[in-house]
Amino acid sequence: MKKLVITAVTLLALVAAAFVALKLTPTPMSSDLSQVGQGTPAIVLAYENFSPSGAEALTRLKAVRPDYESRVRFIVADLGTPVGRTFGQRYGLQDSQAILLDGSGRAVTILARSEQALRDQLDNVIGTLR
């Protein structure tokens, strides 16, 4: 009986730990550019794999994402793919640049490169978007 209780408690602890780990692990940013213009504003990062500036920009967006993801989609345009490259060309984006698009897919602004300036920009603009 004692072994059964220990096994049950251990199993419960493992399930609880897995649940907490899943909740704390952020979901990756989508690369599905078909979400742009579907009614929800979007921030799209032009991203080049293995680029230090692209990695820094991705880290910056990940830092602000929890505070804004209920109001705006976060999407990555991989410039190494045909779809991402076409998107980048359409909006004139280079690696590590992020753009804010309204719900219809119209460009609102190129976003700042520092985290605080990015937050300030989003705070000023995001509430006006549809």
N, C-alpha and C. Protein backbone atom coordinates (compact mmCIF):
# COMPACT_ATOMS: atom_id res chain seq x y z
N MET A 1 0.82 -1.19 0.00
CA MET A 1 0.00 0.00 0.00
C MET A 1 0.87 1.26 0.00
N LYS A 2 1.95 1.26 0.77
CA LYS A 2 2.85 2.40 0.86
C LYS A 2 3.48 2.68 -0.50
N LYS A 3 3.86 1.63 -1.24
CA LYS A 3 4.45 1.79 -2.57
C LYS A 3 3.44 2.41 -3.53
N LEU A 4 2.20 2.02 -3.42
CA LEU A 4 1.14 2.55 -4.27
C LEU A 4 0.95 4.05 -4.04
N VAL A 5 0.96 4.46 -2.79
CA VAL A 5 0.81 5.88 -2.45
C VAL A 5 2.00 6.67 -2.97
N ILE A 6 3.20 6.15 -2.79
CA ILE A 6 4.41 6.83 -3.26
C ILE A 6 4.38 6.95 -4.78
N THR A 7 3.97 5.90 -5.45
CA THR A 7 3.88 5.91 -6.91
C THR A 7 2.84 6.93 -7.37
N ALA A 8 1.69 6.97 -6.72
CA ALA A 8 0.63 7.91 -7.08
C ALA A 8 1.08 9.35 -6.87
N VAL A 9 1.73 9.61 -5.75
CA VAL A 9 2.21 10.97 -5.45
C VAL A 9 3.28 11.38 -6.46
N THR A 10 4.18 10.48 -6.79
CA THR A 10 5.23 10.76 -7.77
C THR A 10 4.62 11.06 -9.14
N LEU A 11 3.66 10.24 -9.54
CA LEU A 11 3.00 10.45 -10.82
C LEU A 11 2.27 11.79 -10.85
N LEU A 12 1.58 12.11 -9.78
CA LEU A 12 0.88 13.40 -9.69
C LEU A 12 1.86 14.56 -9.76
N ALA A 13 3.00 14.44 -9.09
CA ALA A 13 4.02 15.49 -9.12
C ALA A 13 4.58 15.66 -10.53
N LEU A 14 4.80 14.57 -11.24
CA LEU A 14 5.30 14.66 -12.62
C LEU A 14 4.29 15.32 -13.55
N VAL A 15 3.03 14.96 -13.40
CA VAL A 15 1.98 15.57 -14.22
C VAL A 15 1.89 17.07 -13.91
N ALA A 16 1.95 17.43 -12.65
CA ALA A 16 1.89 18.84 -12.26
C ALA A 16 3.10 19.60 -12.81
N ALA A 17 4.27 19.01 -12.74
CA ALA A 17 5.48 19.66 -13.26
C ALA A 17 5.39 19.84 -14.77
N ALA A 18 4.87 18.85 -15.46
CA ALA A 18 4.71 18.97 -16.92
C ALA A 18 3.71 20.06 -17.27
N PHE A 19 2.63 20.12 -16.52
CA PHE A 19 1.61 21.16 -16.75
C PHE A 19 2.22 22.55 -16.57
N VAL A 20 2.94 22.75 -15.51
CA VAL A 20 3.57 24.05 -15.24
C VAL A 20 4.59 24.38 -16.33
N ALA A 21 5.38 23.40 -16.74
CA ALA A 21 6.38 23.63 -17.79
C ALA A 21 5.71 24.05 -19.09
N LEU A 22 4.61 23.41 -19.44
CA LEU A 22 3.90 23.77 -20.67
C LEU A 22 3.30 25.16 -20.59
N LYS A 23 2.80 25.53 -19.44
CA LYS A 23 2.20 26.86 -19.26
C LYS A 23 3.26 27.96 -19.32
N LEU A 24 4.46 27.67 -18.85
CA LEU A 24 5.52 28.68 -18.81
C LEU A 24 6.29 28.77 -20.12
N THR A 25 6.16 27.78 -20.97
CA THR A 25 6.86 27.78 -22.24
C THR A 25 6.03 28.54 -23.27
N PRO A 26 6.55 29.65 -23.78
CA PRO A 26 5.76 30.41 -24.73
C PRO A 26 5.62 29.65 -26.05
N THR A 27 4.50 29.85 -26.70
CA THR A 27 4.31 29.24 -28.00
C THR A 27 5.16 29.99 -29.02
N PRO A 28 5.69 29.28 -29.99
CA PRO A 28 6.51 29.98 -30.99
C PRO A 28 5.66 30.94 -31.81
N MET A 29 6.31 31.94 -32.36
CA MET A 29 5.59 32.88 -33.21
C MET A 29 5.24 32.18 -34.51
N SER A 30 4.06 32.46 -34.98
CA SER A 30 3.58 31.88 -36.22
C SER A 30 4.36 32.45 -37.41
N SER A 31 4.48 31.66 -38.45
CA SER A 31 5.04 32.16 -39.70
C SER A 31 3.97 32.12 -40.79
N ASP A 32 2.72 31.98 -40.38
CA ASP A 32 1.59 31.91 -41.30
C ASP A 32 1.15 33.31 -41.70
N LEU A 33 1.70 33.78 -42.80
CA LEU A 33 1.40 35.14 -43.26
C LEU A 33 -0.01 35.29 -43.81
N SER A 34 -0.72 34.19 -44.00
CA SER A 34 -2.11 34.29 -44.45
C SER A 34 -3.01 34.87 -43.36
N GLN A 35 -2.51 34.97 -42.13
CA GLN A 35 -3.27 35.57 -41.04
C GLN A 35 -3.35 37.10 -41.17
N VAL A 36 -2.44 37.68 -41.94
CA VAL A 36 -2.42 39.13 -42.13
C VAL A 36 -3.67 39.53 -42.91
N GLY A 37 -4.33 40.58 -42.45
CA GLY A 37 -5.50 41.10 -43.14
C GLY A 37 -6.78 40.33 -42.88
N GLN A 38 -6.78 39.51 -41.84
CA GLN A 38 -7.95 38.70 -41.51
C GLN A 38 -8.77 39.29 -40.36
N GLY A 39 -8.61 40.58 -40.10
CA GLY A 39 -9.43 41.25 -39.09
C GLY A 39 -8.71 41.62 -37.80
N THR A 40 -7.59 40.97 -37.52
CA THR A 40 -6.83 41.27 -36.31
C THR A 40 -5.53 41.96 -36.70
N PRO A 41 -5.17 43.07 -36.04
CA PRO A 41 -3.89 43.70 -36.33
C PRO A 41 -2.74 42.70 -36.14
N ALA A 42 -1.66 42.94 -36.85
CA ALA A 42 -0.52 42.02 -36.79
C ALA A 42 0.79 42.79 -36.76
N ILE A 43 1.72 42.24 -36.01
CA ILE A 43 3.10 42.69 -36.06
C ILE A 43 3.85 41.59 -36.79
N VAL A 44 4.50 41.96 -37.89
CA VAL A 44 5.24 40.98 -38.67
C VAL A 44 6.71 41.37 -38.66
N LEU A 45 7.54 40.44 -38.25
CA LEU A 45 8.98 40.63 -38.22
C LEU A 45 9.60 40.00 -39.45
N ALA A 46 10.35 40.78 -40.20
CA ALA A 46 11.14 40.25 -41.31
C ALA A 46 12.39 39.63 -40.69
N TYR A 47 12.57 38.35 -40.91
CA TYR A 47 13.58 37.59 -40.18
C TYR A 47 14.43 36.77 -41.14
N GLU A 48 15.73 36.92 -41.01
CA GLU A 48 16.69 36.14 -41.77
C GLU A 48 17.36 35.16 -40.81
N ASN A 49 17.25 33.88 -41.10
CA ASN A 49 17.87 32.87 -40.23
C ASN A 49 19.37 33.13 -40.09
N PHE A 50 19.88 32.89 -38.92
CA PHE A 50 21.31 33.01 -38.60
C PHE A 50 21.82 34.44 -38.65
N SER A 51 20.93 35.41 -38.61
CA SER A 51 21.32 36.81 -38.59
C SER A 51 21.29 37.32 -37.15
N PRO A 52 22.39 37.87 -36.66
CA PRO A 52 22.38 38.40 -35.29
C PRO A 52 21.34 39.49 -35.07
N SER A 53 21.17 40.38 -36.04
CA SER A 53 20.18 41.45 -35.86
C SER A 53 18.76 40.88 -35.89
N GLY A 54 18.53 39.87 -36.70
CA GLY A 54 17.23 39.21 -36.71
C GLY A 54 16.94 38.52 -35.39
N ALA A 55 17.96 37.88 -34.83
CA ALA A 55 17.79 37.21 -33.53
C ALA A 55 17.50 38.23 -32.43
N GLU A 56 18.18 39.38 -32.47
CA GLU A 56 17.91 40.43 -31.48
C GLU A 56 16.49 40.96 -31.61
N ALA A 57 16.04 41.16 -32.84
CA ALA A 57 14.68 41.66 -33.06
C ALA A 57 13.65 40.64 -32.58
N LEU A 58 13.91 39.37 -32.82
CA LEU A 58 13.00 38.32 -32.37
C LEU A 58 12.94 38.29 -30.85
N THR A 59 14.07 38.44 -30.19
CA THR A 59 14.12 38.49 -28.73
C THR A 59 13.32 39.68 -28.20
N ARG A 60 13.44 40.82 -28.85
CA ARG A 60 12.71 42.03 -28.45
C ARG A 60 11.19 41.81 -28.58
N LEU A 61 10.77 41.22 -29.68
CA LEU A 61 9.34 40.97 -29.86
C LEU A 61 8.82 39.94 -28.84
N LYS A 62 9.64 38.94 -28.56
CA LYS A 62 9.23 37.95 -27.56
C LYS A 62 9.07 38.60 -26.18
N ALA A 63 9.87 39.63 -25.91
CA ALA A 63 9.78 40.32 -24.61
C ALA A 63 8.48 41.09 -24.47
N VAL A 64 7.98 41.68 -25.55
CA VAL A 64 6.76 42.48 -25.45
C VAL A 64 5.50 41.66 -25.74
N ARG A 65 5.67 40.54 -26.37
CA ARG A 65 4.52 39.73 -26.80
C ARG A 65 3.50 39.42 -25.71
N PRO A 66 3.91 39.00 -24.51
CA PRO A 66 2.90 38.68 -23.49
C PRO A 66 1.97 39.84 -23.15
N ASP A 67 2.46 41.07 -23.30
CA ASP A 67 1.65 42.23 -22.94
C ASP A 67 0.69 42.68 -24.04
N TYR A 68 0.89 42.19 -25.26
CA TYR A 68 0.09 42.67 -26.39
C TYR A 68 -0.60 41.57 -27.20
N GLU A 69 -0.29 40.31 -26.95
CA GLU A 69 -0.79 39.26 -27.83
C GLU A 69 -2.31 39.06 -27.78
N SER A 70 -2.97 39.63 -26.79
CA SER A 70 -4.43 39.54 -26.77
C SER A 70 -5.06 40.53 -27.77
N ARG A 71 -4.26 41.49 -28.25
CA ARG A 71 -4.78 42.52 -29.15
C ARG A 71 -4.18 42.52 -30.54
N VAL A 72 -3.08 41.80 -30.70
CA VAL A 72 -2.38 41.82 -31.99
C VAL A 72 -1.69 40.47 -32.21
N ARG A 73 -1.65 40.02 -33.44
CA ARG A 73 -0.95 38.78 -33.78
C ARG A 73 0.53 39.07 -33.97
N PHE A 74 1.36 38.14 -33.58
CA PHE A 74 2.80 38.23 -33.79
C PHE A 74 3.18 37.17 -34.81
N ILE A 75 3.75 37.61 -35.91
CA ILE A 75 4.06 36.72 -37.02
C ILE A 75 5.48 36.99 -37.51
N VAL A 76 6.15 35.94 -37.96
CA VAL A 76 7.50 36.06 -38.50
C VAL A 76 7.44 35.80 -40.00
N ALA A 77 8.02 36.71 -40.79
CA ALA A 77 8.18 36.51 -42.23
C ALA A 77 9.61 36.06 -42.47
N ASP A 78 9.79 34.78 -42.71
CA ASP A 78 11.12 34.22 -42.94
C ASP A 78 11.59 34.62 -44.33
N LEU A 79 12.55 35.53 -44.39
CA LEU A 79 13.02 36.05 -45.66
C LEU A 79 13.76 35.01 -46.49
N GLY A 80 14.04 33.86 -45.90
CA GLY A 80 14.69 32.77 -46.62
C GLY A 80 13.71 31.88 -47.37
N THR A 81 12.41 32.20 -47.27
CA THR A 81 11.40 31.44 -48.00
C THR A 81 10.77 32.33 -49.06
N PRO A 82 10.23 31.74 -50.11
CA PRO A 82 9.59 32.58 -51.15
C PRO A 82 8.46 33.45 -50.60
N VAL A 83 7.62 32.89 -49.74
CA VAL A 83 6.49 33.65 -49.18
C VAL A 83 7.00 34.80 -48.31
N GLY A 84 7.97 34.53 -47.47
CA GLY A 84 8.53 35.57 -46.60
C GLY A 84 9.25 36.65 -47.39
N ARG A 85 10.00 36.23 -48.40
CA ARG A 85 10.71 37.20 -49.24
C ARG A 85 9.72 38.10 -49.98
N THR A 86 8.65 37.52 -50.53
CA THR A 86 7.62 38.30 -51.22
C THR A 86 6.96 39.29 -50.27
N PHE A 87 6.66 38.83 -49.05
CA PHE A 87 6.06 39.71 -48.05
C PHE A 87 7.00 40.87 -47.75
N GLY A 88 8.27 40.56 -47.50
CA GLY A 88 9.25 41.60 -47.20
C GLY A 88 9.37 42.62 -48.33
N GLN A 89 9.37 42.15 -49.56
CA GLN A 89 9.46 43.05 -50.71
C GLN A 89 8.21 43.92 -50.82
N ARG A 90 7.05 43.32 -50.57
CA ARG A 90 5.78 44.06 -50.67
C ARG A 90 5.77 45.27 -49.73
N TYR A 91 6.30 45.08 -48.51
CA TYR A 91 6.27 46.15 -47.51
C TYR A 91 7.62 46.87 -47.38
N GLY A 92 8.58 46.53 -48.21
CA GLY A 92 9.89 47.18 -48.18
C GLY A 92 10.69 46.88 -46.92
N LEU A 93 10.56 45.66 -46.40
CA LEU A 93 11.22 45.29 -45.15
C LEU A 93 12.55 44.61 -45.39
N GLN A 94 13.47 44.88 -44.49
CA GLN A 94 14.76 44.19 -44.47
C GLN A 94 14.84 43.39 -43.18
N ASP A 95 15.85 42.54 -43.12
CA ASP A 95 16.04 41.70 -41.94
C ASP A 95 16.00 42.53 -40.66
N SER A 96 15.28 42.03 -39.69
CA SER A 96 15.14 42.58 -38.34
C SER A 96 14.17 43.76 -38.24
N GLN A 97 13.54 44.14 -39.33
CA GLN A 97 12.52 45.18 -39.26
C GLN A 97 11.17 44.54 -38.97
N ALA A 98 10.39 45.21 -38.14
CA ALA A 98 9.04 44.76 -37.84
C ALA A 98 8.07 45.84 -38.26
N ILE A 99 6.92 45.41 -38.74
CA ILE A 99 5.90 46.33 -39.22
C ILE A 99 4.59 46.02 -38.50
N LEU A 100 3.85 47.06 -38.18
CA LEU A 100 2.52 46.92 -37.60
C LEU A 100 1.51 47.11 -38.72
N LEU A 101 0.62 46.14 -38.87
CA LEU A 101 -0.41 46.17 -39.89
C LEU A 101 -1.78 46.19 -39.23
N ASP A 102 -2.72 46.93 -39.81
CA ASP A 102 -4.06 46.93 -39.23
C ASP A 102 -4.79 45.64 -39.62
N GLY A 103 -6.02 45.52 -39.18
CA GLY A 103 -6.76 44.29 -39.39
C GLY A 103 -7.04 43.96 -40.85
N SER A 104 -6.94 44.96 -41.71
CA SER A 104 -7.14 44.71 -43.14
C SER A 104 -5.83 44.47 -43.87
N GLY A 105 -4.71 44.53 -43.14
CA GLY A 105 -3.41 44.28 -43.74
C GLY A 105 -2.70 45.51 -44.24
N ARG A 106 -3.27 46.69 -43.98
CA ARG A 106 -2.60 47.93 -44.38
C ARG A 106 -1.48 48.28 -43.40
N ALA A 107 -0.38 48.74 -43.94
CA ALA A 107 0.76 49.13 -43.11
C ALA A 107 0.40 50.34 -42.27
N VAL A 108 0.70 50.26 -40.97
CA VAL A 108 0.48 51.38 -40.06
C VAL A 108 1.81 52.08 -39.82
N THR A 109 2.83 51.32 -39.43
CA THR A 109 4.13 51.90 -39.15
C THR A 109 5.20 50.82 -39.06
N ILE A 110 6.41 51.22 -39.37
CA ILE A 110 7.57 50.37 -39.08
C ILE A 110 7.85 50.55 -37.60
N LEU A 111 8.11 49.47 -36.91
CA LEU A 111 8.24 49.54 -35.45
C LEU A 111 9.67 49.83 -35.00
N ALA A 112 9.75 50.43 -33.83
CA ALA A 112 11.03 50.84 -33.24
C ALA A 112 11.91 49.64 -32.95
N ARG A 113 13.20 49.90 -32.86
CA ARG A 113 14.16 48.83 -32.64
C ARG A 113 14.57 48.65 -31.18
N SER A 114 14.14 49.55 -30.30
CA SER A 114 14.42 49.33 -28.87
C SER A 114 13.14 48.88 -28.19
N GLU A 115 13.28 48.07 -27.15
CA GLU A 115 12.10 47.52 -26.48
C GLU A 115 11.20 48.60 -25.92
N GLN A 116 11.76 49.59 -25.23
CA GLN A 116 10.92 50.63 -24.63
C GLN A 116 10.24 51.48 -25.69
N ALA A 117 10.96 51.83 -26.73
CA ALA A 117 10.35 52.61 -27.81
C ALA A 117 9.25 51.80 -28.51
N LEU A 118 9.47 50.51 -28.65
CA LEU A 118 8.46 49.63 -29.23
C LEU A 118 7.21 49.60 -28.38
N ARG A 119 7.39 49.47 -27.06
CA ARG A 119 6.24 49.48 -26.14
C ARG A 119 5.49 50.81 -26.22
N ASP A 120 6.23 51.91 -26.26
CA ASP A 120 5.61 53.23 -26.35
C ASP A 120 4.79 53.35 -27.64
N GLN A 121 5.37 52.90 -28.74
CA GLN A 121 4.69 52.93 -30.02
C GLN A 121 3.40 52.13 -29.98
N LEU A 122 3.49 50.91 -29.47
CA LEU A 122 2.32 50.04 -29.42
C LEU A 122 1.25 50.62 -28.51
N ASP A 123 1.65 51.16 -27.37
CA ASP A 123 0.68 51.76 -26.44
C ASP A 123 -0.06 52.92 -27.11
N ASN A 124 0.62 53.68 -27.93
CA ASN A 124 0.01 54.84 -28.59
C ASN A 124 -0.87 54.47 -29.77
N VAL A 125 -0.57 53.39 -30.45
CA VAL A 125 -1.22 53.09 -31.72
C VAL A 125 -2.22 51.93 -31.63
N ILE A 126 -1.92 50.94 -30.85
CA ILE A 126 -2.67 49.67 -30.93
C ILE A 126 -4.15 49.83 -30.61
N GLY A 127 -4.51 50.72 -29.72
CA GLY A 127 -5.91 50.92 -29.38
C GLY A 127 -6.73 51.54 -30.49
N THR A 128 -6.07 52.19 -31.45
CA THR A 128 -6.78 52.85 -32.55
C THR A 128 -7.02 51.93 -33.73
N LEU A 129 -6.45 50.74 -33.68
CA LEU A 129 -6.54 49.82 -34.83
C LEU A 129 -7.81 48.99 -34.80
N ARG A 130 -8.25 48.63 -35.93
CA ARG A 130 -9.40 47.73 -36.11
C ARG A 130 -8.99 46.58 -36.95
